[in-house]
């Protein structure tokens, strides 16, 4: 998805379509919004698991890890272009707002 974020955002804007993704690259490329797990946090968790396995832990003995940090990214410039108004309550909980 992130490889094509620019193309997807451009095509969506051209056709007046709002876009949402789980990757923050889409709104950064001009899409409307994203909501998904924080990739940096996922990588840190993966590194902890790799470290445990390298030190001898058996993968089957490790608990299943699920994302705990999620982020909401909004692109207000795209919202304005599409004629959308983002409610103040949503803006207040966004982790990043692109203006």
PDB file of N, CA and C in Angstrom:
ATOM      1  N   UNK A   1       0.827  -1.198   0.000  1.00  0.00           N
ATOM      2  CA  UNK A   1       0.000   0.000   0.000  1.00  0.00           C
ATOM      3  C   UNK A   1       0.863   1.251   0.000  1.00  0.00           C
ATOM      4  N   UNK A   2       1.872   1.300   0.843  1.00  0.00           N
ATOM      5  CA  UNK A   2       2.647   2.518   0.971  1.00  0.00           C
ATOM      6  C   UNK A   2       3.410   2.848  -0.302  1.00  0.00           C
ATOM      7  N   UNK A   3       3.701   1.831  -1.105  1.00  0.00           N
ATOM      8  CA  UNK A   3       4.399   2.059  -2.369  1.00  0.00           C
ATOM      9  C   UNK A   3       3.531   2.893  -3.307  1.00  0.00           C
ATOM     10  N   UNK A   4       2.230   2.690  -3.234  1.00  0.00           N
ATOM     11  CA  UNK A   4       1.298   3.354  -4.142  1.00  0.00           C
ATOM     12  C   UNK A   4       0.512   4.490  -3.491  1.00  0.00           C
ATOM     13  N   UNK A   5       0.919   4.928  -2.312  1.00  0.00           N
ATOM     14  CA  UNK A   5       0.156   5.946  -1.586  1.00  0.00           C
ATOM     15  C   UNK A   5      -0.040   7.215  -2.418  1.00  0.00           C
ATOM     16  N   UNK A   6       1.008   7.700  -3.060  1.00  0.00           N
ATOM     17  CA  UNK A   6       0.885   8.916  -3.882  1.00  0.00           C
ATOM     18  C   UNK A   6      -0.112   8.727  -5.013  1.00  0.00           C
ATOM     19  N   UNK A   7      -0.028   7.591  -5.693  1.00  0.00           N
ATOM     20  CA  UNK A   7      -0.925   7.335  -6.819  1.00  0.00           C
ATOM     21  C   UNK A   7      -2.377   7.175  -6.362  1.00  0.00           C
ATOM     22  N   UNK A   8      -2.577   6.472  -5.248  1.00  0.00           N
ATOM     23  CA  UNK A   8      -3.935   6.277  -4.732  1.00  0.00           C
ATOM     24  C   UNK A   8      -4.537   7.613  -4.308  1.00  0.00           C
ATOM     25  N   UNK A   9      -3.758   8.407  -3.574  1.00  0.00           N
ATOM     26  CA  UNK A   9      -4.250   9.711  -3.114  1.00  0.00           C
ATOM     27  C   UNK A   9      -4.578  10.619  -4.295  1.00  0.00           C
ATOM     28  N   UNK A  10      -3.704  10.643  -5.287  1.00  0.00           N
ATOM     29  CA  UNK A  10      -3.925  11.491  -6.468  1.00  0.00           C
ATOM     30  C   UNK A  10      -5.191  11.058  -7.221  1.00  0.00           C
ATOM     31  N   UNK A  11      -5.358   9.767  -7.422  1.00  0.00           N
ATOM     32  CA  UNK A  11      -6.532   9.252  -8.131  1.00  0.00           C
ATOM     33  C   UNK A  11      -7.815   9.536  -7.353  1.00  0.00           C
ATOM     34  N   UNK A  12      -7.759   9.362  -6.038  1.00  0.00           N
ATOM     35  CA  UNK A  12      -8.942   9.621  -5.210  1.00  0.00           C
ATOM     36  C   UNK A  12      -9.331  11.100  -5.249  1.00  0.00           C
ATOM     37  N   UNK A  13      -8.333  11.985  -5.114  1.00  0.00           N
ATOM     38  CA  UNK A  13      -8.626  13.431  -5.167  1.00  0.00           C
ATOM     39  C   UNK A  13      -9.199  13.814  -6.524  1.00  0.00           C
ATOM     40  N   UNK A  14      -8.625  13.266  -7.589  1.00  0.00           N
ATOM     41  CA  UNK A  14      -9.083  13.572  -8.949  1.00  0.00           C
ATOM     42  C   UNK A  14     -10.554  13.206  -9.130  1.00  0.00           C
ATOM     43  N   UNK A  15     -10.971  12.121  -8.464  1.00  0.00           N
ATOM     44  CA  UNK A  15     -12.346  11.652  -8.594  1.00  0.00           C
ATOM     45  C   UNK A  15     -13.245  12.049  -7.427  1.00  0.00           C
ATOM     46  N   UNK A  16     -12.733  12.899  -6.535  1.00  0.00           N
ATOM     47  CA  UNK A  16     -13.531  13.400  -5.415  1.00  0.00           C
ATOM     48  C   UNK A  16     -13.899  12.342  -4.393  1.00  0.00           C
ATOM     49  N   UNK A  17     -13.008  11.369  -4.187  1.00  0.00           N
ATOM     50  CA  UNK A  17     -13.297  10.274  -3.262  1.00  0.00           C
ATOM     51  C   UNK A  17     -12.502  10.409  -1.965  1.00  0.00           C
ATOM     52  N   UNK A  18     -13.157  10.295  -0.824  1.00  0.00           N
ATOM     53  CA  UNK A  18     -12.415  10.274   0.444  1.00  0.00           C
ATOM     54  C   UNK A  18     -11.732   8.915   0.594  1.00  0.00           C
ATOM     55  N   UNK A  19     -10.556   8.909   1.189  1.00  0.00           N
ATOM     56  CA  UNK A  19      -9.826   7.658   1.390  1.00  0.00           C
ATOM     57  C   UNK A  19      -9.474   7.497   2.857  1.00  0.00           C
ATOM     58  N   UNK A  20      -9.465   6.254   3.297  1.00  0.00           N
ATOM     59  CA  UNK A  20      -9.008   5.926   4.644  1.00  0.00           C
ATOM     60  C   UNK A  20      -8.142   4.684   4.532  1.00  0.00           C
ATOM     61  N   UNK A  21      -7.116   4.654   5.349  1.00  0.00           N
ATOM     62  CA  UNK A  21      -6.155   3.564   5.312  1.00  0.00           C
ATOM     63  C   UNK A  21      -5.695   3.253   6.720  1.00  0.00           C
ATOM     64  N   UNK A  22      -4.998   2.139   6.873  1.00  0.00           N
ATOM     65  CA  UNK A  22      -4.396   1.844   8.165  1.00  0.00           C
ATOM     66  C   UNK A  22      -2.959   2.357   8.237  1.00  0.00           C
ATOM     67  N   UNK A  23      -2.460   2.903   7.142  1.00  0.00           N
ATOM     68  CA  UNK A  23      -1.081   3.403   7.083  1.00  0.00           C
ATOM     69  C   UNK A  23      -1.078   4.923   6.969  1.00  0.00           C
ATOM     70  N   UNK A  24      -0.278   5.582   7.793  1.00  0.00           N
ATOM     71  CA  UNK A  24      -0.255   7.046   7.815  1.00  0.00           C
ATOM     72  C   UNK A  24       0.341   7.652   6.547  1.00  0.00           C
ATOM     73  N   UNK A  25       0.942   6.835   5.710  1.00  0.00           N
ATOM     74  CA  UNK A  25       1.507   7.356   4.455  1.00  0.00           C
ATOM     75  C   UNK A  25       0.428   7.900   3.525  1.00  0.00           C
ATOM     76  N   UNK A  26      -0.767   7.342   3.579  1.00  0.00           N
ATOM     77  CA  UNK A  26      -1.831   7.802   2.675  1.00  0.00           C
ATOM     78  C   UNK A  26      -2.244   9.248   2.947  1.00  0.00           C
ATOM     79  N   UNK A  27      -2.616   9.636   4.166  1.00  0.00           N
ATOM     80  CA  UNK A  27      -2.957  11.046   4.366  1.00  0.00           C
ATOM     81  C   UNK A  27      -1.753  11.971   4.173  1.00  0.00           C
ATOM     82  N   UNK A  28      -0.560  11.486   4.439  1.00  0.00           N
ATOM     83  CA  UNK A  28       0.631  12.304   4.211  1.00  0.00           C
ATOM     84  C   UNK A  28       0.858  12.534   2.727  1.00  0.00           C
ATOM     85  N   UNK A  29       0.359  11.596   1.892  1.00  0.00           N
ATOM     86  CA  UNK A  29       0.478  11.735   0.441  1.00  0.00           C
ATOM     87  C   UNK A  29      -0.694  12.510  -0.154  1.00  0.00           C
ATOM     88  N   UNK A  30      -1.716  12.820   0.675  1.00  0.00           N
ATOM     89  CA  UNK A  30      -2.855  13.582   0.171  1.00  0.00           C
ATOM     90  C   UNK A  30      -4.184  12.879   0.330  1.00  0.00           C
ATOM     91  N   UNK A  31      -4.195  11.687   0.913  1.00  0.00           N
ATOM     92  CA  UNK A  31      -5.445  10.996   1.210  1.00  0.00           C
ATOM     93  C   UNK A  31      -6.127  11.675   2.381  1.00  0.00           C
ATOM     94  N   UNK A  32      -7.338  11.248   2.703  1.00  0.00           N
ATOM     95  CA  UNK A  32      -8.109  11.915   3.748  1.00  0.00           C
ATOM     96  C   UNK A  32      -7.646  11.548   5.155  1.00  0.00           C
ATOM     97  N   UNK A  33      -7.558  10.261   5.466  1.00  0.00           N
ATOM     98  CA  UNK A  33      -7.239   9.900   6.848  1.00  0.00           C
ATOM     99  C   UNK A  33      -6.716   8.484   6.946  1.00  0.00           C
ATOM    100  N   UNK A  34      -6.115   8.197   8.094  1.00  0.00           N
ATOM    101  CA  UNK A  34      -5.694   6.828   8.403  1.00  0.00           C
ATOM    102  C   UNK A  34      -5.923   6.566   9.880  1.00  0.00           C
ATOM    103  N   UNK A  35      -6.200   5.310  10.174  1.00  0.00           N
ATOM    104  CA  UNK A  35      -6.312   4.867  11.560  1.00  0.00           C
ATOM    105  C   UNK A  35      -5.783   3.445  11.602  1.00  0.00           C
ATOM    106  N   UNK A  36      -4.740   3.242  12.370  1.00  0.00           N
ATOM    107  CA  UNK A  36      -4.166   1.909  12.452  1.00  0.00           C
ATOM    108  C   UNK A  36      -3.078   1.845  13.494  1.00  0.00           C
ATOM    109  N   UNK A  37      -2.485   0.670  13.632  1.00  0.00           N
ATOM    110  CA  UNK A  37      -1.445   0.503  14.634  1.00  0.00           C
ATOM    111  C   UNK A  37      -0.218   1.350  14.321  1.00  0.00           C
ATOM    112  N   UNK A  38       0.434   1.803  15.376  1.00  0.00           N
ATOM    113  CA  UNK A  38       1.659   2.580  15.243  1.00  0.00           C
ATOM    114  C   UNK A  38       2.770   1.635  14.803  1.00  0.00           C
ATOM    115  N   UNK A  39       3.323   1.856  13.629  1.00  0.00           N
ATOM    116  CA  UNK A  39       4.324   0.959  13.048  1.00  0.00           C
ATOM    117  C   UNK A  39       5.599   0.917  13.893  1.00  0.00           C
ATOM    118  N   UNK A  40       6.031   2.049  14.421  1.00  0.00           N
ATOM    119  CA  UNK A  40       7.229   2.063  15.259  1.00  0.00           C
ATOM    120  C   UNK A  40       7.050   1.169  16.485  1.00  0.00           C
ATOM    121  N   UNK A  41       5.880   1.214  17.084  1.00  0.00           N
ATOM    122  CA  UNK A  41       5.602   0.384  18.246  1.00  0.00           C
ATOM    123  C   UNK A  41       5.594  -1.100  17.870  1.00  0.00           C
ATOM    124  N   UNK A  42       5.030  -1.428  16.709  1.00  0.00           N
ATOM    125  CA  UNK A  42       5.031  -2.819  16.239  1.00  0.00           C
ATOM    126  C   UNK A  42       6.456  -3.323  16.036  1.00  0.00           C
ATOM    127  N   UNK A  43       7.304  -2.478  15.470  1.00  0.00           N
ATOM    128  CA  UNK A  43       8.698  -2.867  15.234  1.00  0.00           C
ATOM    129  C   UNK A  43       9.442  -3.083  16.544  1.00  0.00           C
ATOM    130  N   UNK A  44       9.189  -2.229  17.534  1.00  0.00           N
ATOM    131  CA  UNK A  44       9.817  -2.417  18.849  1.00  0.00           C
ATOM    132  C   UNK A  44       9.400  -3.749  19.473  1.00  0.00           C
ATOM    133  N   UNK A  45       8.119  -4.059  19.373  1.00  0.00           N
ATOM    134  CA  UNK A  45       7.622  -5.321  19.912  1.00  0.00           C
ATOM    135  C   UNK A  45       8.250  -6.505  19.184  1.00  0.00           C
ATOM    136  N   UNK A  46       8.350  -6.411  17.875  1.00  0.00           N
ATOM    137  CA  UNK A  46       8.983  -7.483  17.093  1.00  0.00           C
ATOM    138  C   UNK A  46      10.442  -7.661  17.497  1.00  0.00           C
ATOM    139  N   UNK A  47      11.141  -6.560  17.721  1.00  0.00           N
ATOM    140  CA  UNK A  47      12.544  -6.636  18.129  1.00  0.00           C
ATOM    141  C   UNK A  47      12.686  -7.326  19.485  1.00  0.00           C
ATOM    142  N   UNK A  48      11.769  -7.057  20.401  1.00  0.00           N
ATOM    143  CA  UNK A  48      11.796  -7.706  21.719  1.00  0.00           C
ATOM    144  C   UNK A  48      11.608  -9.215  21.555  1.00  0.00           C
ATOM    145  N   UNK A  49      10.685  -9.612  20.683  1.00  0.00           N
ATOM    146  CA  UNK A  49      10.456 -11.038  20.441  1.00  0.00           C
ATOM    147  C   UNK A  49      11.674 -11.688  19.788  1.00  0.00           C
ATOM    148  N   UNK A  50      12.275 -11.031  18.823  1.00  0.00           N
ATOM    149  CA  UNK A  50      13.479 -11.561  18.169  1.00  0.00           C
ATOM    150  C   UNK A  50      14.582 -11.747  19.204  1.00  0.00           C
ATOM    151  N   UNK A  51      14.750 -10.764  20.071  1.00  0.00           N
ATOM    152  CA  UNK A  51      15.775 -10.847  21.116  1.00  0.00           C
ATOM    153  C   UNK A  51      15.531 -12.064  22.013  1.00  0.00           C
ATOM    154  N   UNK A  52      14.298 -12.277  22.413  1.00  0.00           N
ATOM    155  CA  UNK A  52      13.977 -13.418  23.277  1.00  0.00           C
ATOM    156  C   UNK A  52      14.260 -14.745  22.571  1.00  0.00           C
ATOM    157  N   UNK A  53      13.922 -14.819  21.295  1.00  0.00           N
ATOM    158  CA  UNK A  53      14.134 -16.050  20.533  1.00  0.00           C
ATOM    159  C   UNK A  53      15.622 -16.309  20.346  1.00  0.00           C
ATOM    160  N   UNK A  54      16.364 -15.256  20.030  1.00  0.00           N
ATOM    161  CA  UNK A  54      17.817 -15.402  19.861  1.00  0.00           C
ATOM    162  C   UNK A  54      18.468 -15.872  21.165  1.00  0.00           C
ATOM    163  N   UNK A  55      17.913 -15.448  22.280  1.00  0.00           N
ATOM    164  CA  UNK A  55      18.461 -15.838  23.586  1.00  0.00           C
ATOM    165  C   UNK A  55      17.965 -17.206  24.045  1.00  0.00           C
ATOM    166  N   UNK A  56      17.183 -17.898  23.189  1.00  0.00           N
ATOM    167  CA  UNK A  56      16.810 -19.269  23.495  1.00  0.00           C
ATOM    168  C   UNK A  56      15.353 -19.543  23.772  1.00  0.00           C
ATOM    169  N   UNK A  57      14.524 -18.535  23.806  1.00  0.00           N
ATOM    170  CA  UNK A  57      13.097 -18.769  24.051  1.00  0.00           C
ATOM    171  C   UNK A  57      12.483 -19.505  22.857  1.00  0.00           C
ATOM    172  N   UNK A  58      11.543 -20.372  23.146  1.00  0.00           N
ATOM    173  CA  UNK A  58      10.839 -21.078  22.081  1.00  0.00           C
ATOM    174  C   UNK A  58       9.671 -20.210  21.620  1.00  0.00           C
ATOM    175  N   UNK A  59       9.561 -19.946  20.319  1.00  0.00           N
ATOM    176  CA  UNK A  59       8.489 -19.074  19.823  1.00  0.00           C
ATOM    177  C   UNK A  59       7.095 -19.511  20.269  1.00  0.00           C
ATOM    178  N   UNK A  60       6.867 -20.810  20.346  1.00  0.00           N
ATOM    179  CA  UNK A  60       5.541 -21.304  20.743  1.00  0.00           C
ATOM    180  C   UNK A  60       5.212 -20.963  22.198  1.00  0.00           C
ATOM    181  N   UNK A  61       6.245 -20.694  22.995  1.00  0.00           N
ATOM    182  CA  UNK A  61       6.025 -20.352  24.404  1.00  0.00           C
ATOM    183  C   UNK A  61       5.748 -18.870  24.630  1.00  0.00           C
ATOM    184  N   UNK A  62       5.988 -18.068  23.620  1.00  0.00           N
ATOM    185  CA  UNK A  62       5.780 -16.622  23.747  1.00  0.00           C
ATOM    186  C   UNK A  62       4.308 -16.282  23.523  1.00  0.00           C
ATOM    187  N   UNK A  63       3.776 -15.336  24.277  1.00  0.00           N
ATOM    188  CA  UNK A  63       2.375 -14.957  24.075  1.00  0.00           C
ATOM    189  C   UNK A  63       2.178 -14.227  22.747  1.00  0.00           C
ATOM    190  N   UNK A  64       0.983 -14.313  22.226  1.00  0.00           N
ATOM    191  CA  UNK A  64       0.650 -13.586  21.005  1.00  0.00           C
ATOM    192  C   UNK A  64       0.573 -12.108  21.347  1.00  0.00           C
ATOM    193  N   UNK A  65       1.290 -11.309  20.590  1.00  0.00           N
ATOM    194  CA  UNK A  65       1.295  -9.862  20.844  1.00  0.00           C
ATOM    195  C   UNK A  65       0.337  -9.182  19.872  1.00  0.00           C
ATOM    196  N   UNK A  66      -0.457  -8.279  20.400  1.00  0.00           N
ATOM    197  CA  UNK A  66      -1.358  -7.495  19.572  1.00  0.00           C
ATOM    198  C   UNK A  66      -0.986  -6.025  19.710  1.00  0.00           C
ATOM    199  N   UNK A  67      -1.283  -5.229  18.690  1.00  0.00           N
ATOM    200  CA  UNK A  67      -0.967  -3.796  18.787  1.00  0.00           C
ATOM    201  C   UNK A  67      -1.651  -3.166  19.994  1.00  0.00           C
ATOM    202  N   UNK A  68      -0.941  -2.249  20.626  1.00  0.00           N
ATOM    203  CA  UNK A  68      -1.521  -1.543  21.770  1.00  0.00           C
ATOM    204  C   UNK A  68      -1.600  -0.043  21.519  1.00  0.00           C
ATOM    205  N   UNK A  69      -0.834   0.448  20.552  1.00  0.00           N
ATOM    206  CA  UNK A  69      -0.851   1.878  20.217  1.00  0.00           C
ATOM    207  C   UNK A  69      -1.426   2.045  18.812  1.00  0.00           C
ATOM    208  N   UNK A  70      -2.433   2.871  18.708  1.00  0.00           N
ATOM    209  CA  UNK A  70      -3.043   3.169  17.420  1.00  0.00           C
ATOM    210  C   UNK A  70      -2.943   4.676  17.182  1.00  0.00           C
ATOM    211  N   UNK A  71      -2.916   5.056  15.903  1.00  0.00           N
ATOM    212  CA  UNK A  71      -2.822   6.485  15.606  1.00  0.00           C
ATOM    213  C   UNK A  71      -3.828   6.880  14.539  1.00  0.00           C
ATOM    214  N   UNK A  72      -4.378   8.080  14.720  1.00  0.00           N
ATOM    215  CA  UNK A  72      -5.324   8.669  13.787  1.00  0.00           C
ATOM    216  C   UNK A  72      -4.640   9.869  13.144  1.00  0.00           C
ATOM    217  N   UNK A  73      -4.555   9.849  11.812  1.00  0.00           N
ATOM    218  CA  UNK A  73      -3.936  10.942  11.062  1.00  0.00           C
ATOM    219  C   UNK A  73      -4.988  11.496  10.105  1.00  0.00           C
ATOM    220  N   UNK A  74      -5.180  12.817  10.135  1.00  0.00           N
ATOM    221  CA  UNK A  74      -6.175  13.484   9.286  1.00  0.00           C
ATOM    222  C   UNK A  74      -5.495  14.506   8.393  1.00  0.00           C
ATOM    223  N   UNK A  75      -5.963  14.603   7.165  1.00  0.00           N
ATOM    224  CA  UNK A  75      -5.461  15.608   6.237  1.00  0.00           C
ATOM    225  C   UNK A  75      -6.582  16.615   5.998  1.00  0.00           C
ATOM    226  N   UNK A  76      -6.486  17.782   6.661  1.00  0.00           N
ATOM    227  CA  UNK A  76      -7.540  18.807   6.549  1.00  0.00           C
ATOM    228  C   UNK A  76      -7.570  19.464   5.175  1.00  0.00           C
ATOM    229  N   UNK A  77      -6.420  19.547   4.539  1.00  0.00           N
ATOM    230  CA  UNK A  77      -6.368  20.136   3.197  1.00  0.00           C
ATOM    231  C   UNK A  77      -7.210  19.288   2.226  1.00  0.00           C
ATOM    232  N   UNK A  78      -7.071  17.976   2.326  1.00  0.00           N
ATOM    233  CA  UNK A  78      -7.859  17.084   1.474  1.00  0.00           C
ATOM    234  C   UNK A  78      -9.332  17.154   1.844  1.00  0.00           C
ATOM    235  N   UNK A  79      -9.634  17.213   3.146  1.00  0.00           N
ATOM    236  CA  UNK A  79     -11.030  17.319   3.582  1.00  0.00           C
ATOM    237  C   UNK A  79     -11.675  18.564   2.982  1.00  0.00           C
ATOM    238  N   UNK A  80     -10.951  19.682   3.021  1.00  0.00           N
ATOM    239  CA  UNK A  80     -11.479  20.937   2.459  1.00  0.00           C
ATOM    240  C   UNK A  80     -11.700  20.804   0.961  1.00  0.00           C
ATOM    241  N   UNK A  81     -10.742  20.185   0.267  1.00  0.00           N
ATOM    242  CA  UNK A  81     -10.857  19.987  -1.184  1.00  0.00           C
ATOM    243  C   UNK A  81     -12.098  19.158  -1.527  1.00  0.00           C
ATOM    244  N   UNK A  82     -12.401  18.170  -0.668  1.00  0.00           N
ATOM    245  CA  UNK A  82     -13.560  17.304  -0.904  1.00  0.00           C
ATOM    246  C   UNK A  82     -14.860  17.896  -0.375  1.00  0.00           C
ATOM    247  N   UNK A  83     -14.773  19.055   0.284  1.00  0.00           N
ATOM    248  CA  UNK A  83     -15.969  19.695   0.831  1.00  0.00           C
ATOM    249  C   UNK A  83     -16.458  19.042   2.111  1.00  0.00           C
ATOM    250  N   UNK A  84     -15.542  18.406   2.842  1.00  0.00           N
ATOM    251  CA  UNK A  84     -15.904  17.733   4.085  1.00  0.00           C
ATOM    252  C   UNK A  84     -15.487  18.558   5.285  1.00  0.00           C
ATOM    253  N   UNK A  85     -16.281  18.494   6.338  1.00  0.00           N
ATOM    254  CA  UNK A  85     -15.948  19.142   7.598  1.00  0.00           C
ATOM    255  C   UNK A  85     -15.678  18.052   8.619  1.00  0.00           C
ATOM    256  N   UNK A  86     -14.492  18.086   9.199  1.00  0.00           N
ATOM    257  CA  UNK A  86     -14.139  17.116  10.232  1.00  0.00           C
ATOM    258  C   UNK A  86     -14.638  17.665  11.569  1.00  0.00           C
ATOM    259  N   UNK A  87     -15.456  16.902  12.293  1.00  0.00           N
ATOM    260  CA  UNK A  87     -15.985  17.389  13.572  1.00  0.00           C
ATOM    261  C   UNK A  87     -14.865  17.699  14.576  1.00  0.00           C
ATOM    262  N   UNK A  88     -15.043  18.740  15.380  1.00  0.00           N
ATOM    263  CA  UNK A  88     -14.022  19.121  16.366  1.00  0.00           C
ATOM    264  C   UNK A  88     -13.634  17.983  17.308  1.00  0.00           C
ATOM    265  N   UNK A  89     -14.582  17.128  17.663  1.00  0.00           N
ATOM    266  CA  UNK A  89     -14.287  16.006  18.545  1.00  0.00           C
ATOM    267  C   UNK A  89     -13.281  15.043  17.926  1.00  0.00           C
ATOM    268  N   UNK A  90     -13.390  14.832  16.618  1.00  0.00           N
ATOM    269  CA  UNK A  90     -12.442  13.958  15.914  1.00  0.00           C
ATOM    270  C   UNK A  90     -11.086  14.648  15.820  1.00  0.00           C
ATOM    271  N   UNK A  91     -11.096  15.936  15.515  1.00  0.00           N
ATOM    272  CA  UNK A  91      -9.829  16.683  15.438  1.00  0.00           C
ATOM    273  C   UNK A  91      -9.088  16.656  16.770  1.00  0.00           C
ATOM    274  N   UNK A  92      -9.842  16.703  17.875  1.00  0.00           N
ATOM    275  CA  UNK A  92      -9.204  16.758  19.184  1.00  0.00           C
ATOM    276  C   UNK A  92      -8.522  15.442  19.568  1.00  0.00           C
ATOM    277  N   UNK A  93      -8.969  14.331  19.007  1.00  0.00           N
ATOM    278  CA  UNK A  93      -8.344  13.048  19.345  1.00  0.00           C
ATOM    279  C   UNK A  93      -7.318  12.584  18.315  1.00  0.00           C
ATOM    280  N   UNK A  94      -7.175  13.337  17.225  1.00  0.00           N
ATOM    281  CA  UNK A  94      -6.208  12.954  16.182  1.00  0.00           C
ATOM    282  C   UNK A  94      -4.782  13.055  16.715  1.00  0.00           C
ATOM    283  N   UNK A  95      -3.960  12.090  16.341  1.00  0.00           N
ATOM    284  CA  UNK A  95      -2.556  12.105  16.723  1.00  0.00           C
ATOM    285  C   UNK A  95      -1.768  13.066  15.845  1.00  0.00           C
ATOM    286  N   UNK A  96      -2.219  13.234  14.602  1.00  0.00           N
ATOM    287  CA  UNK A  96      -1.542  14.155  13.687  1.00  0.00           C
ATOM    288  C   UNK A  96      -2.596  14.767  12.763  1.00  0.00           C
ATOM    289  N   UNK A  97      -2.526  16.060  12.571  1.00  0.00           N
ATOM    290  CA  UNK A  97      -3.425  16.756  11.662  1.00  0.00           C
ATOM    291  C   UNK A  97      -2.555  17.475  10.639  1.00  0.00           C
ATOM    292  N   UNK A  98      -2.783  17.165   9.365  1.00  0.00           N
ATOM    293  CA  UNK A  98      -2.035  17.782   8.276  1.00  0.00           C
ATOM    294  C   UNK A  98      -2.879  18.911   7.733  1.00  0.00           C
ATOM    295  N   UNK A  99      -2.304  20.125   7.742  1.00  0.00           N
ATOM    296  CA  UNK A  99      -3.083  21.296   7.302  1.00  0.00           C
ATOM    297  C   UNK A  99      -2.580  21.834   5.991  1.00  0.00           C
TER     298      UNK A  99
END
